[in-house]
Amino acid sequence: MYGNDIPEQPGHARLLDEVAAAERDLTGRGLGGDGTEGGADDYFGAVIAADGKIEPRDEMPEAYRKSLIRQIAQHAHSEIIGMQPEGNWISRAPSLKRKAILLAKVQDEAGHGLYLYAAAETLGVDRADLYEMLLDGRQKYSSIFNYPTLTWADVGAIGWLVDGAAIVNQVPLCRCSYGPYARAMIRVCKEESFHQRQGYEILHVLANGSPEQKAMAQDAIDRWWYPSLAMFGPPDTDSTHSAQSMAWKIKRFSNDELRQKFVDMTVQQAEVLGLSLPDPDLRLGEDGHWAYTQPDYDELFTVIKGDGPCNRQRIEHRRAAWEDGAWVREAATAYAKKREGATV
């Protein structure tokens, strides 16, 4: 298979093992709680305490439902918006094989968005409403997709760093307390692992190519490293939602814990690639973890607020796609009504 001749990535197999373990637990565990008698709050609390799964039919606190809608919608929007930076290179990929692989990856991201919108709809929202909230700025997507892809090496850096950070962030969501989200994440994480491997392979080829190709790969890593670190969100001390989300077992680890795990894994992989991470203060601590320079959180919040390099371009592209696709939605709705009338 294409790409099997590259060195193994330290830490990559362990993440896939975590996904497999979460999938086994989902298969073997009952969907709901433990049958605890009492009111809705008692039932909800018992399911969370027992590490069970809350299902759409279960009563749940309104704050829990709203928190899930916010997180799942942002995740879905990120998958859809995230198609743009790499889609920009489909027609310019250096070979037909690279083009086919990249096209398949972008198609996967569209599928991930659909899984996640479907999971959000189990909470009583309509995906059309979520989409409108994205377009008018009431809902957000990952800040990382507001940076430009300047060279082919950027496609590799996105695969290795951005998808790598996404996997570290998303693997624990396979054990999320909300069943539909956890089940969607099993498949998403399996596919994201291939995407990360693809980016790693692109950079490996470039790093072992001409001096110009290696320099291009290094330049891409220099530009994407700190935005990738910022993907985990603000520091724990400044995070608005993390503590409650962890109490409800939507999240399993804090922003800083996940960021540290990503750094520890990526330092080892960079050594295998023969490329360097742009942090002169990177060093191995006595606790076995790598000390690193924090990303620029002021830049993170600037981008989140809509003032990143590509914010306006990304949203305008999605708005045009939404408007251009109106006739498809209208035709599908009319056909469904026609079929419904024919069966009455």
C-alpha atoms as a PDB file:
ATOM      1  CA  MET A   1       0.000   0.000   0.000  1.00  0.00           C
ATOM      2  CA  TYR A   2       1.111   3.539  -0.757  1.00  0.00           C
ATOM      3  CA  GLY A   3       3.115   4.990   2.117  1.00  0.00           C
ATOM      4  CA  ASN A   4       3.997   1.733   3.899  1.00  0.00           C
ATOM      5  CA  ASP A   5       7.699   2.300   3.256  1.00  0.00           C
ATOM      6  CA  ILE A   6       7.986   5.216   5.687  1.00  0.00           C
ATOM      7  CA  PRO A   7       9.167   4.900   9.301  1.00  0.00           C
ATOM      8  CA  GLU A   8       6.640   4.171  12.019  1.00  0.00           C
ATOM      9  CA  GLN A   9       5.323   7.187  13.928  1.00  0.00           C
ATOM     10  CA  PRO A  10       6.000   7.121  17.679  1.00  0.00           C
ATOM     11  CA  GLY A  11       2.730   7.263  19.600  1.00  0.00           C
ATOM     12  CA  HIS A  12       0.460   6.772  16.568  1.00  0.00           C
ATOM     13  CA  ALA A  13      -0.428   3.114  17.230  1.00  0.00           C
ATOM     14  CA  ARG A  14      -1.186   3.853  20.881  1.00  0.00           C
ATOM     15  CA  LEU A  15      -3.876   6.358  19.900  1.00  0.00           C
ATOM     16  CA  LEU A  16      -5.504   3.804  17.603  1.00  0.00           C
ATOM     17  CA  ASP A  17      -5.426   1.287  20.462  1.00  0.00           C
ATOM     18  CA  GLU A  18      -7.339   3.800  22.598  1.00  0.00           C
ATOM     19  CA  VAL A  19      -9.997   4.130  19.880  1.00  0.00           C
ATOM     20  CA  ALA A  20     -10.323   0.338  19.630  1.00  0.00           C
ATOM     21  CA  ALA A  21     -10.675   0.030  23.406  1.00  0.00           C
ATOM     22  CA  ALA A  22     -13.386   2.707  23.439  1.00  0.00           C
ATOM     23  CA  GLU A  23     -15.232   0.897  20.654  1.00  0.00           C
ATOM     24  CA  ARG A  24     -15.124  -2.388  22.581  1.00  0.00           C
ATOM     25  CA  ASP A  25     -16.510  -0.658  25.654  1.00  0.00           C
ATOM     26  CA  LEU A  26     -19.332   0.899  23.620  1.00  0.00           C
ATOM     27  CA  THR A  27     -20.244  -2.512  22.221  1.00  0.00           C
ATOM     28  CA  GLY A  28     -20.156  -4.262  25.574  1.00  0.00           C
ATOM     29  CA  ARG A  29     -21.791  -1.588  27.709  1.00  0.00           C
ATOM     30  CA  GLY A  30     -25.517  -0.983  28.021  1.00  0.00           C
ATOM     31  CA  LEU A  31     -26.642   2.197  26.311  1.00  0.00           C
ATOM     32  CA  GLY A  32     -28.251   3.851  29.292  1.00  0.00           C
ATOM     33  CA  GLY A  33     -27.726   4.029  33.011  1.00  0.00           C
ATOM     34  CA  ASP A  34     -28.023   1.390  35.714  1.00  0.00           C
ATOM     35  CA  GLY A  35     -31.762   1.592  36.276  1.00  0.00           C
ATOM     36  CA  THR A  36     -31.470   3.876  39.280  1.00  0.00           C
ATOM     37  CA  GLU A  37     -34.885   4.919  40.535  1.00  0.00           C
ATOM     38  CA  GLY A  38     -35.716   8.540  41.200  1.00  0.00           C
ATOM     39  CA  GLY A  39     -36.148  11.744  39.223  1.00  0.00           C
ATOM     40  CA  ALA A  40     -34.522  12.800  35.983  1.00  0.00           C
ATOM     41  CA  ASP A  41     -31.629  14.499  37.765  1.00  0.00           C
ATOM     42  CA  ASP A  42     -30.977  11.366  39.832  1.00  0.00           C
ATOM     43  CA  TYR A  43     -30.973   9.223  36.695  1.00  0.00           C
ATOM     44  CA  PHE A  44     -28.688  11.579  34.796  1.00  0.00           C
ATOM     45  CA  GLY A  45     -26.252  11.791  37.702  1.00  0.00           C
ATOM     46  CA  ALA A  46     -26.244   8.009  38.124  1.00  0.00           C
ATOM     47  CA  VAL A  47     -25.456   7.412  34.444  1.00  0.00           C
ATOM     48  CA  ILE A  48     -22.603   9.925  34.508  1.00  0.00           C
ATOM     49  CA  ALA A  49     -21.212   8.474  37.749  1.00  0.00           C
ATOM     50  CA  ALA A  50     -21.391   4.941  36.331  1.00  0.00           C
ATOM     51  CA  ASP A  51     -19.565   6.046  33.154  1.00  0.00           C
ATOM     52  CA  GLY A  52     -22.642   5.140  31.150  1.00  0.00           C
ATOM     53  CA  LYS A  53     -24.073   6.796  28.066  1.00  0.00           C
ATOM     54  CA  ILE A  54     -26.823   9.380  27.914  1.00  0.00           C
ATOM     55  CA  GLU A  55     -29.040   8.703  24.892  1.00  0.00           C
ATOM     56  CA  PRO A  56     -31.408  11.022  22.985  1.00  0.00           C
ATOM     57  CA  ARG A  57     -34.451   9.456  24.669  1.00  0.00           C
ATOM     58  CA  ASP A  58     -33.090  10.209  28.152  1.00  0.00           C
ATOM     59  CA  GLU A  59     -33.958  13.286  30.132  1.00  0.00           C
ATOM     60  CA  MET A  60     -30.934  15.522  30.620  1.00  0.00           C
ATOM     61  CA  PRO A  61     -30.185  18.950  32.104  1.00  0.00           C
ATOM     62  CA  GLU A  62     -30.806  21.756  29.631  1.00  0.00           C
ATOM     63  CA  ALA A  63     -27.301  23.094  30.255  1.00  0.00           C
ATOM     64  CA  TYR A  64     -25.844  19.689  29.298  1.00  0.00           C
ATOM     65  CA  ARG A  65     -27.885  19.650  26.082  1.00  0.00           C
ATOM     66  CA  LYS A  66     -26.849  23.186  25.147  1.00  0.00           C
ATOM     67  CA  SER A  67     -23.204  22.465  25.901  1.00  0.00           C
ATOM     68  CA  LEU A  68     -23.292  19.416  23.621  1.00  0.00           C
ATOM     69  CA  ILE A  69     -24.994  21.366  20.832  1.00  0.00           C
ATOM     70  CA  ARG A  70     -22.331  24.063  21.044  1.00  0.00           C
ATOM     71  CA  GLN A  71     -19.445  21.584  20.990  1.00  0.00           C
ATOM     72  CA  ILE A  72     -20.794  19.166  18.382  1.00  0.00           C
ATOM     73  CA  ALA A  73     -21.892  21.991  16.079  1.00  0.00           C
ATOM     74  CA  GLN A  74     -18.480  23.653  16.320  1.00  0.00           C
ATOM     75  CA  HIS A  75     -16.876  20.305  15.561  1.00  0.00           C
ATOM     76  CA  ALA A  76     -19.146  19.740  12.547  1.00  0.00           C
ATOM     77  CA  HIS A  77     -18.540  23.257  11.229  1.00  0.00           C
ATOM     78  CA  SER A  78     -14.782  22.697  11.577  1.00  0.00           C
ATOM     79  CA  GLU A  79     -14.921  19.553   9.457  1.00  0.00           C
ATOM     80  CA  ILE A  80     -16.827  21.355   6.692  1.00  0.00           C
ATOM     81  CA  ILE A  81     -14.778  24.566   6.745  1.00  0.00           C
ATOM     82  CA  GLY A  82     -11.640  22.428   7.037  1.00  0.00           C
ATOM     83  CA  MET A  83     -12.199  21.110   3.527  1.00  0.00           C
ATOM     84  CA  GLN A  84     -11.197  24.478   2.065  1.00  0.00           C
ATOM     85  CA  PRO A  85      -7.469  24.822   2.886  1.00  0.00           C
ATOM     86  CA  GLU A  86      -6.620  21.421   1.390  1.00  0.00           C
ATOM     87  CA  GLY A  87      -9.284  21.536  -1.316  1.00  0.00           C
ATOM     88  CA  ASN A  88      -7.297  24.500  -2.590  1.00  0.00           C
ATOM     89  CA  TRP A  89      -4.553  22.017  -3.604  1.00  0.00           C
ATOM     90  CA  ILE A  90      -6.588  19.247  -5.258  1.00  0.00           C
ATOM     91  CA  SER A  91      -6.045  20.650  -8.759  1.00  0.00           C
ATOM     92  CA  ARG A  92      -2.395  21.459  -8.011  1.00  0.00           C
ATOM     93  CA  ALA A  93      -1.248  18.217  -6.361  1.00  0.00           C
ATOM     94  CA  PRO A  94       2.106  17.077  -7.806  1.00  0.00           C
ATOM     95  CA  SER A  95       0.836  13.774  -9.223  1.00  0.00           C
ATOM     96  CA  LEU A  96      -2.380  11.971 -10.096  1.00  0.00           C
ATOM     97  CA  LYS A  97      -1.870   9.650  -7.133  1.00  0.00           C
ATOM     98  CA  ARG A  98      -1.455  12.584  -4.751  1.00  0.00           C
ATOM     99  CA  LYS A  99      -4.556  14.194  -6.263  1.00  0.00           C
ATOM    100  CA  ALA A 100      -6.652  11.055  -5.719  1.00  0.00           C
ATOM    101  CA  ILE A 101      -5.469  10.672  -2.118  1.00  0.00           C
ATOM    102  CA  LEU A 102      -6.144  14.318  -1.285  1.00  0.00           C
ATOM    103  CA  LEU A 103      -9.555  14.180  -2.948  1.00  0.00           C
ATOM    104  CA  ALA A 104     -10.462  11.147  -0.827  1.00  0.00           C
ATOM    105  CA  LYS A 105      -9.312  12.943   2.313  1.00  0.00           C
ATOM    106  CA  VAL A 106     -11.403  16.053   1.623  1.00  0.00           C
ATOM    107  CA  GLN A 107     -14.369  13.792   0.899  1.00  0.00           C
ATOM    108  CA  ASP A 108     -13.832  12.118   4.291  1.00  0.00           C
ATOM    109  CA  GLU A 109     -13.975  15.514   6.006  1.00  0.00           C
ATOM    110  CA  ALA A 110     -17.368  16.166   4.395  1.00  0.00           C
ATOM    111  CA  GLY A 111     -18.544  12.820   5.743  1.00  0.00           C
ATOM    112  CA  HIS A 112     -17.306  13.699   9.229  1.00  0.00           C
ATOM    113  CA  GLY A 113     -19.324  16.889   9.130  1.00  0.00           C
ATOM    114  CA  LEU A 114     -22.441  14.910   8.207  1.00  0.00           C
ATOM    115  CA  TYR A 115     -21.910  12.401  11.046  1.00  0.00           C
ATOM    116  CA  LEU A 116     -21.590  15.259  13.502  1.00  0.00           C
ATOM    117  CA  TYR A 117     -24.553  17.284  12.245  1.00  0.00           C
ATOM    118  CA  ALA A 118     -26.604  14.095  12.557  1.00  0.00           C
ATOM    119  CA  ALA A 119     -25.383  13.648  16.147  1.00  0.00           C
ATOM    120  CA  ALA A 120     -26.343  17.257  16.929  1.00  0.00           C
ATOM    121  CA  GLU A 121     -29.817  16.721  15.488  1.00  0.00           C
ATOM    122  CA  THR A 122     -30.474  14.002  18.075  1.00  0.00           C
ATOM    123  CA  LEU A 123     -30.458  16.853  20.612  1.00  0.00           C
ATOM    124  CA  GLY A 124     -33.441  18.515  18.950  1.00  0.00           C
ATOM    125  CA  VAL A 125     -31.788  21.048  16.665  1.00  0.00           C
ATOM    126  CA  ASP A 126     -31.983  21.332  12.897  1.00  0.00           C
ATOM    127  CA  ARG A 127     -28.763  21.333  10.904  1.00  0.00           C
ATOM    128  CA  ALA A 128     -30.075  24.142   8.683  1.00  0.00           C
ATOM    129  CA  ASP A 129     -30.374  26.320  11.787  1.00  0.00           C
ATOM    130  CA  LEU A 130     -26.843  25.366  12.847  1.00  0.00           C
ATOM    131  CA  TYR A 131     -25.575  26.256   9.404  1.00  0.00           C
ATOM    132  CA  GLU A 132     -27.252  29.652   9.532  1.00  0.00           C
ATOM    133  CA  MET A 133     -25.675  30.296  12.942  1.00  0.00           C
ATOM    134  CA  LEU A 134     -22.275  29.490  11.440  1.00  0.00           C
ATOM    135  CA  LEU A 135     -22.793  31.881   8.540  1.00  0.00           C
ATOM    136  CA  ASP A 136     -23.984  34.780  10.699  1.00  0.00           C
ATOM    137  CA  GLY A 137     -21.221  34.306  13.277  1.00  0.00           C
ATOM    138  CA  ARG A 138     -23.255  32.996  16.204  1.00  0.00           C
ATOM    139  CA  GLN A 139     -21.336  29.705  16.132  1.00  0.00           C
ATOM    140  CA  LYS A 140     -17.621  29.156  15.601  1.00  0.00           C
ATOM    141  CA  TYR A 141     -15.283  26.648  13.992  1.00  0.00           C
ATOM    142  CA  SER A 142     -11.665  25.740  14.723  1.00  0.00           C
ATOM    143  CA  SER A 143      -9.315  28.713  14.400  1.00  0.00           C
ATOM    144  CA  ILE A 144      -6.714  26.591  12.599  1.00  0.00           C
ATOM    145  CA  PHE A 145      -8.623  26.692   9.312  1.00  0.00           C
ATOM    146  CA  ASN A 146      -8.240  30.455   9.018  1.00  0.00           C
ATOM    147  CA  TYR A 147      -4.605  30.147   7.912  1.00  0.00           C
ATOM    148  CA  PRO A 148      -3.582  29.895   4.238  1.00  0.00           C
ATOM    149  CA  THR A 149      -2.001  26.893   2.522  1.00  0.00           C
ATOM    150  CA  LEU A 150       0.874  28.466   0.619  1.00  0.00           C
ATOM    151  CA  THR A 151       2.753  25.405  -0.693  1.00  0.00           C
ATOM    152  CA  TRP A 152       2.237  21.680  -1.220  1.00  0.00           C
ATOM    153  CA  ALA A 153       4.168  21.107   2.010  1.00  0.00           C
ATOM    154  CA  ASP A 154       1.332  22.835   3.872  1.00  0.00           C
ATOM    155  CA  VAL A 155      -0.883  19.890   2.943  1.00  0.00           C
ATOM    156  CA  GLY A 156       1.644  17.637   4.667  1.00  0.00           C
ATOM    157  CA  ALA A 157       1.867  19.927   7.696  1.00  0.00           C
ATOM    158  CA  ILE A 158      -1.920  20.011   8.026  1.00  0.00           C
ATOM    159  CA  GLY A 159      -2.053  16.226   7.886  1.00  0.00           C
ATOM    160  CA  TRP A 160       0.759  15.701  10.377  1.00  0.00           C
ATOM    161  CA  LEU A 161       0.229  18.584  12.816  1.00  0.00           C
ATOM    162  CA  VAL A 162      -3.401  19.687  12.458  1.00  0.00           C
ATOM    163  CA  ASP A 163      -4.884  16.212  12.068  1.00  0.00           C
ATOM    164  CA  GLY A 164      -2.420  14.965  14.674  1.00  0.00           C
ATOM    165  CA  ALA A 165      -3.668  17.567  17.167  1.00  0.00           C
ATOM    166  CA  ALA A 166      -7.252  16.741  16.209  1.00  0.00           C
ATOM    167  CA  ILE A 167      -6.721  13.042  16.918  1.00  0.00           C
ATOM    168  CA  VAL A 168      -5.202  13.728  20.340  1.00  0.00           C
ATOM    169  CA  ASN A 169      -8.172  15.966  21.103  1.00  0.00           C
ATOM    170  CA  GLN A 170     -10.803  13.632  19.665  1.00  0.00           C
ATOM    171  CA  VAL A 171      -9.740  10.164  20.806  1.00  0.00           C
ATOM    172  CA  PRO A 172     -10.987  10.847  24.379  1.00  0.00           C
ATOM    173  CA  LEU A 173     -14.329  11.921  22.850  1.00  0.00           C
ATOM    174  CA  CYS A 174     -14.828   8.273  21.873  1.00  0.00           C
ATOM    175  CA  ARG A 175     -15.671   7.907  25.588  1.00  0.00           C
ATOM    176  CA  CYS A 176     -17.921  10.975  25.700  1.00  0.00           C
ATOM    177  CA  SER A 177     -20.940  10.585  27.983  1.00  0.00           C
ATOM    178  CA  TYR A 178     -23.354  11.332  25.124  1.00  0.00           C
ATOM    179  CA  GLY A 179     -23.829   8.147  23.105  1.00  0.00           C
ATOM    180  CA  PRO A 180     -24.396   9.502  19.569  1.00  0.00           C
ATOM    181  CA  TYR A 181     -21.329  11.750  19.824  1.00  0.00           C
ATOM    182  CA  ALA A 182     -19.133   8.940  21.170  1.00  0.00           C
ATOM    183  CA  ARG A 183     -20.216   6.553  18.422  1.00  0.00           C
ATOM    184  CA  ALA A 184     -19.643   9.140  15.690  1.00  0.00           C
ATOM    185  CA  MET A 185     -16.151   9.785  17.037  1.00  0.00           C
ATOM    186  CA  ILE A 186     -15.130   6.124  16.732  1.00  0.00           C
ATOM    187  CA  ARG A 187     -15.387   6.295  12.958  1.00  0.00           C
ATOM    188  CA  VAL A 188     -14.061   9.855  12.708  1.00  0.00           C
ATOM    189  CA  CYS A 189     -10.904   8.978  14.657  1.00  0.00           C
ATOM    190  CA  LYS A 190     -10.205   5.878  12.576  1.00  0.00           C
ATOM    191  CA  GLU A 191     -10.362   7.926   9.386  1.00  0.00           C
ATOM    192  CA  GLU A 192      -8.406  10.840  10.864  1.00  0.00           C
ATOM    193  CA  SER A 193      -5.568   8.443  11.649  1.00  0.00           C
ATOM    194  CA  PHE A 194      -5.176   7.809   7.912  1.00  0.00           C
ATOM    195  CA  HIS A 195      -5.215  11.539   7.251  1.00  0.00           C
ATOM    196  CA  GLN A 196      -2.477  12.127   9.791  1.00  0.00           C
ATOM    197  CA  ARG A 197      -0.444   9.292   8.297  1.00  0.00           C
ATOM    198  CA  GLN A 198      -0.835  10.823   4.834  1.00  0.00           C
ATOM    199  CA  GLY A 199       0.527  14.169   6.013  1.00  0.00           C
ATOM    200  CA  TYR A 200       3.427  12.473   7.773  1.00  0.00           C
ATOM    201  CA  GLU A 201       4.241  10.593   4.566  1.00  0.00           C
ATOM    202  CA  ILE A 202       4.183  13.778   2.466  1.00  0.00           C
ATOM    203  CA  LEU A 203       6.637  15.462   4.830  1.00  0.00           C
ATOM    204  CA  HIS A 204       8.856  12.369   4.953  1.00  0.00           C
ATOM    205  CA  VAL A 205       9.138  12.365   1.155  1.00  0.00           C
ATOM    206  CA  LEU A 206       9.925  16.091   1.076  1.00  0.00           C
ATOM    207  CA  ALA A 207      12.414  15.873   3.953  1.00  0.00           C
ATOM    208  CA  ASN A 208      14.308  13.169   2.085  1.00  0.00           C
ATOM    209  CA  GLY A 209      14.126  14.925  -1.285  1.00  0.00           C
ATOM    210  CA  SER A 210      16.090  17.859  -2.608  1.00  0.00           C
ATOM    211  CA  PRO A 211      17.371  20.633  -0.311  1.00  0.00           C
ATOM    212  CA  GLU A 212      14.648  22.877  -1.693  1.00  0.00           C
ATOM    213  CA  GLN A 213      11.960  20.314  -0.867  1.00  0.00           C
ATOM    214  CA  LYS A 214      13.255  19.842   2.670  1.00  0.00           C
ATOM    215  CA  ALA A 215      13.347  23.625   3.151  1.00  0.00           C
ATOM    216  CA  MET A 216       9.745  23.837   1.946  1.00  0.00           C
ATOM    217  CA  ALA A 217       8.710  21.172   4.453  1.00  0.00           C
ATOM    218  CA  GLN A 218      10.523  22.955   7.277  1.00  0.00           C
ATOM    219  CA  ASP A 219       8.915  26.270   6.350  1.00  0.00           C
ATOM    220  CA  ALA A 220       5.453  24.720   6.520  1.00  0.00           C
ATOM    221  CA  ILE A 221       6.148  23.252   9.959  1.00  0.00           C
ATOM    222  CA  ASP A 222       7.466  26.605  11.173  1.00  0.00           C
ATOM    223  CA  ARG A 223       4.181  28.264  10.167  1.00  0.00           C
ATOM    224  CA  TRP A 224       1.752  25.585  11.375  1.00  0.00           C
ATOM    225  CA  TRP A 225       3.333  24.555  14.700  1.00  0.00           C
ATOM    226  CA  TYR A 226       2.002  27.274  16.992  1.00  0.00           C
ATOM    227  CA  PRO A 227      -1.490  27.466  15.416  1.00  0.00           C
ATOM    228  CA  SER A 228      -1.671  23.682  15.911  1.00  0.00           C
ATOM    229  CA  LEU A 229      -0.801  24.070  19.606  1.00  0.00           C
ATOM    230  CA  ALA A 230      -3.547  26.697  19.899  1.00  0.00           C
ATOM    231  CA  MET A 231      -6.111  24.169  18.580  1.00  0.00           C
ATOM    232  CA  PHE A 232      -6.452  22.776  22.107  1.00  0.00           C
ATOM    233  CA  GLY A 233      -7.936  26.057  23.268  1.00  0.00           C
ATOM    234  CA  PRO A 234      -6.860  28.553  25.919  1.00  0.00           C
ATOM    235  CA  PRO A 235      -4.946  27.525  29.045  1.00  0.00           C
ATOM    236  CA  ASP A 236      -7.017  25.731  31.675  1.00  0.00           C
ATOM    237  CA  THR A 237      -7.044  28.858  33.828  1.00  0.00           C
ATOM    238  CA  ASP A 238      -8.776  30.791  31.027  1.00  0.00           C
ATOM    239  CA  SER A 239     -11.056  28.070  29.656  1.00  0.00           C
ATOM    240  CA  THR A 240     -14.760  28.890  29.955  1.00  0.00           C
ATOM    241  CA  HIS A 241     -16.260  25.456  29.397  1.00  0.00           C
ATOM    242  CA  SER A 242     -13.656  22.806  30.276  1.00  0.00           C
ATOM    243  CA  ALA A 243     -14.381  22.265  33.980  1.00  0.00           C
ATOM    244  CA  GLN A 244     -18.116  21.692  33.544  1.00  0.00           C
ATOM    245  CA  SER A 245     -17.592  19.665  30.376  1.00  0.00           C
ATOM    246  CA  MET A 246     -15.209  17.363  32.268  1.00  0.00           C
ATOM    247  CA  ALA A 247     -17.635  17.062  35.190  1.00  0.00           C
ATOM    248  CA  TRP A 248     -20.273  15.847  32.726  1.00  0.00           C
ATOM    249  CA  LYS A 249     -17.660  13.559  31.086  1.00  0.00           C
ATOM    250  CA  ILE A 250     -18.139  15.167  27.693  1.00  0.00           C
ATOM    251  CA  LYS A 251     -14.422  15.911  27.813  1.00  0.00           C
ATOM    252  CA  ARG A 252     -12.031  13.593  29.628  1.00  0.00           C
ATOM    253  CA  PHE A 253      -8.874  15.727  29.767  1.00  0.00           C
ATOM    254  CA  SER A 254      -8.160  19.414  30.128  1.00  0.00           C
ATOM    255  CA  ASN A 255      -6.812  21.628  27.337  1.00  0.00           C
ATOM    256  CA  ASP A 256      -3.342  21.731  28.860  1.00  0.00           C
ATOM    257  CA  GLU A 257      -3.200  17.964  29.398  1.00  0.00           C
ATOM    258  CA  LEU A 258      -4.099  17.308  25.765  1.00  0.00           C
ATOM    259  CA  ARG A 259      -1.652  19.936  24.509  1.00  0.00           C
ATOM    260  CA  GLN A 260       1.155  18.316  26.524  1.00  0.00           C
ATOM    261  CA  LYS A 261       0.314  14.876  25.146  1.00  0.00           C
ATOM    262  CA  PHE A 262       0.471  16.251  21.606  1.00  0.00           C
ATOM    263  CA  VAL A 263       3.857  17.909  22.184  1.00  0.00           C
ATOM    264  CA  ASP A 264       5.348  14.756  23.722  1.00  0.00           C
ATOM    265  CA  MET A 265       4.219  12.670  20.759  1.00  0.00           C
ATOM    266  CA  THR A 266       5.159  15.164  18.045  1.00  0.00           C
ATOM    267  CA  VAL A 267       8.717  15.812  19.273  1.00  0.00           C
ATOM    268  CA  GLN A 268       9.526  12.137  18.747  1.00  0.00           C
ATOM    269  CA  GLN A 269       7.930  12.088  15.300  1.00  0.00           C
ATOM    270  CA  ALA A 270       9.838  15.211  14.207  1.00  0.00           C
ATOM    271  CA  GLU A 271      13.096  13.461  15.070  1.00  0.00           C
ATOM    272  CA  VAL A 272      12.129  10.551  12.814  1.00  0.00           C
ATOM    273  CA  LEU A 273      11.281  12.964   9.989  1.00  0.00           C
ATOM    274  CA  GLY A 274      14.581  14.787  10.390  1.00  0.00           C
ATOM    275  CA  LEU A 275      12.753  18.106  10.700  1.00  0.00           C
ATOM    276  CA  SER A 276      12.724  20.508  13.644  1.00  0.00           C
ATOM    277  CA  LEU A 277       9.972  22.163  15.617  1.00  0.00           C
ATOM    278  CA  PRO A 278      10.347  25.977  15.766  1.00  0.00           C
ATOM    279  CA  ASP A 279      10.822  26.233  19.526  1.00  0.00           C
ATOM    280  CA  PRO A 280      14.350  26.961  20.795  1.00  0.00           C
ATOM    281  CA  ASP A 281      13.188  26.348  24.385  1.00  0.00           C
ATOM    282  CA  LEU A 282      11.954  22.826  23.736  1.00  0.00           C
ATOM    283  CA  ARG A 283      13.572  20.506  26.292  1.00  0.00           C
ATOM    284  CA  LEU A 284      12.869  17.240  28.073  1.00  0.00           C
ATOM    285  CA  GLY A 285      11.969  17.753  31.720  1.00  0.00           C
ATOM    286  CA  GLU A 286      12.733  15.519  34.655  1.00  0.00           C
ATOM    287  CA  ASP A 287       9.089  14.405  34.688  1.00  0.00           C
ATOM    288  CA  GLY A 288       9.504  12.856  31.232  1.00  0.00           C
ATOM    289  CA  HIS A 289       7.454  15.554  29.485  1.00  0.00           C
ATOM    290  CA  TRP A 290       8.728  18.118  27.020  1.00  0.00           C
ATOM    291  CA  ALA A 291       8.730  21.746  28.152  1.00  0.00           C
ATOM    292  CA  TYR A 292       7.661  24.038  25.320  1.00  0.00           C
ATOM    293  CA  THR A 293       6.802  27.636  24.475  1.00  0.00           C
ATOM    294  CA  GLN A 294       3.094  28.393  24.687  1.00  0.00           C
ATOM    295  CA  PRO A 295       1.325  29.593  21.533  1.00  0.00           C
ATOM    296  CA  ASP A 296       0.215  33.207  21.199  1.00  0.00           C
ATOM    297  CA  TYR A 297      -3.221  33.136  22.810  1.00  0.00           C
ATOM    298  CA  ASP A 298      -3.879  36.765  21.876  1.00  0.00           C
ATOM    299  CA  GLU A 299      -3.547  35.686  18.252  1.00  0.00           C
ATOM    300  CA  LEU A 300      -5.877  32.752  18.941  1.00  0.00           C
ATOM    301  CA  PHE A 301      -8.626  35.022  20.272  1.00  0.00           C
ATOM    302  CA  THR A 302      -8.097  37.480  17.419  1.00  0.00           C
ATOM    303  CA  VAL A 303      -8.647  34.696  14.895  1.00  0.00           C
ATOM    304  CA  ILE A 304     -11.651  33.323  16.808  1.00  0.00           C
ATOM    305  CA  LYS A 305     -13.228  36.789  16.725  1.00  0.00           C
ATOM    306  CA  GLY A 306     -12.996  36.794  12.925  1.00  0.00           C
ATOM    307  CA  ASP A 307      -9.795  38.713  12.247  1.00  0.00           C
ATOM    308  CA  GLY A 308      -7.533  35.870  11.079  1.00  0.00           C
ATOM    309  CA  PRO A 309      -5.842  35.752   7.669  1.00  0.00           C
ATOM    310  CA  CYS A 310      -8.663  33.817   5.966  1.00  0.00           C
ATOM    311  CA  ASN A 311     -11.782  34.160   8.167  1.00  0.00           C
ATOM    312  CA  ARG A 312     -13.807  36.204   5.693  1.00  0.00           C
ATOM    313  CA  GLN A 313     -12.755  34.067   2.741  1.00  0.00           C
ATOM    314  CA  ARG A 314     -13.761  30.839   4.505  1.00  0.00           C
ATOM    315  CA  ILE A 315     -17.216  32.079   5.480  1.00  0.00           C
ATOM    316  CA  GLU A 316     -17.920  33.694   2.110  1.00  0.00           C
ATOM    317  CA  HIS A 317     -17.030  30.425   0.403  1.00  0.00           C
ATOM    318  CA  ARG A 318     -19.469  28.517   2.638  1.00  0.00           C
ATOM    319  CA  ARG A 319     -22.172  31.158   2.165  1.00  0.00           C
ATOM    320  CA  ALA A 320     -21.825  30.881  -1.623  1.00  0.00           C
ATOM    321  CA  ALA A 321     -22.010  27.082  -1.424  1.00  0.00           C
ATOM    322  CA  TRP A 322     -25.133  27.303   0.766  1.00  0.00           C
ATOM    323  CA  GLU A 323     -26.852  29.704  -1.617  1.00  0.00           C
ATOM    324  CA  ASP A 324     -25.778  27.818  -4.747  1.00  0.00           C
ATOM    325  CA  GLY A 325     -27.157  24.598  -3.258  1.00  0.00           C
ATOM    326  CA  ALA A 326     -30.586  26.037  -2.450  1.00  0.00           C
ATOM    327  CA  TRP A 327     -32.158  24.494  -5.558  1.00  0.00           C
ATOM    328  CA  VAL A 328     -30.969  21.018  -4.514  1.00  0.00           C
ATOM    329  CA  ARG A 329     -32.525  21.362  -1.048  1.00  0.00           C
ATOM    330  CA  GLU A 330     -35.753  22.714  -2.536  1.00  0.00           C
ATOM    331  CA  ALA A 331     -35.947  19.899  -5.085  1.00  0.00           C
ATOM    332  CA  ALA A 332     -35.289  17.253  -2.418  1.00  0.00           C
ATOM    333  CA  THR A 333     -37.973  18.737  -0.173  1.00  0.00           C
ATOM    334  CA  ALA A 334     -40.494  18.864  -3.021  1.00  0.00           C
ATOM    335  CA  TYR A 335     -39.731  15.253  -3.989  1.00  0.00           C
ATOM    336  CA  ALA A 336     -40.138  14.082  -0.384  1.00  0.00           C
ATOM    337  CA  LYS A 337     -43.511  15.823  -0.129  1.00  0.00           C
ATOM    338  CA  LYS A 338     -44.579  14.269  -3.434  1.00  0.00           C
ATOM    339  CA  ARG A 339     -43.679  10.794  -2.227  1.00  0.00           C
ATOM    340  CA  GLU A 340     -45.420  11.414   1.073  1.00  0.00           C
ATOM    341  CA  GLY A 341     -48.587  12.461  -0.763  1.00  0.00           C
ATOM    342  CA  ALA A 342     -48.442   9.376  -2.972  1.00  0.00           C
ATOM    343  CA  THR A 343     -48.399   7.016   0.033  1.00  0.00           C
ATOM    344  CA  VAL A 344     -51.316   8.655   1.878  1.00  0.00           C
END
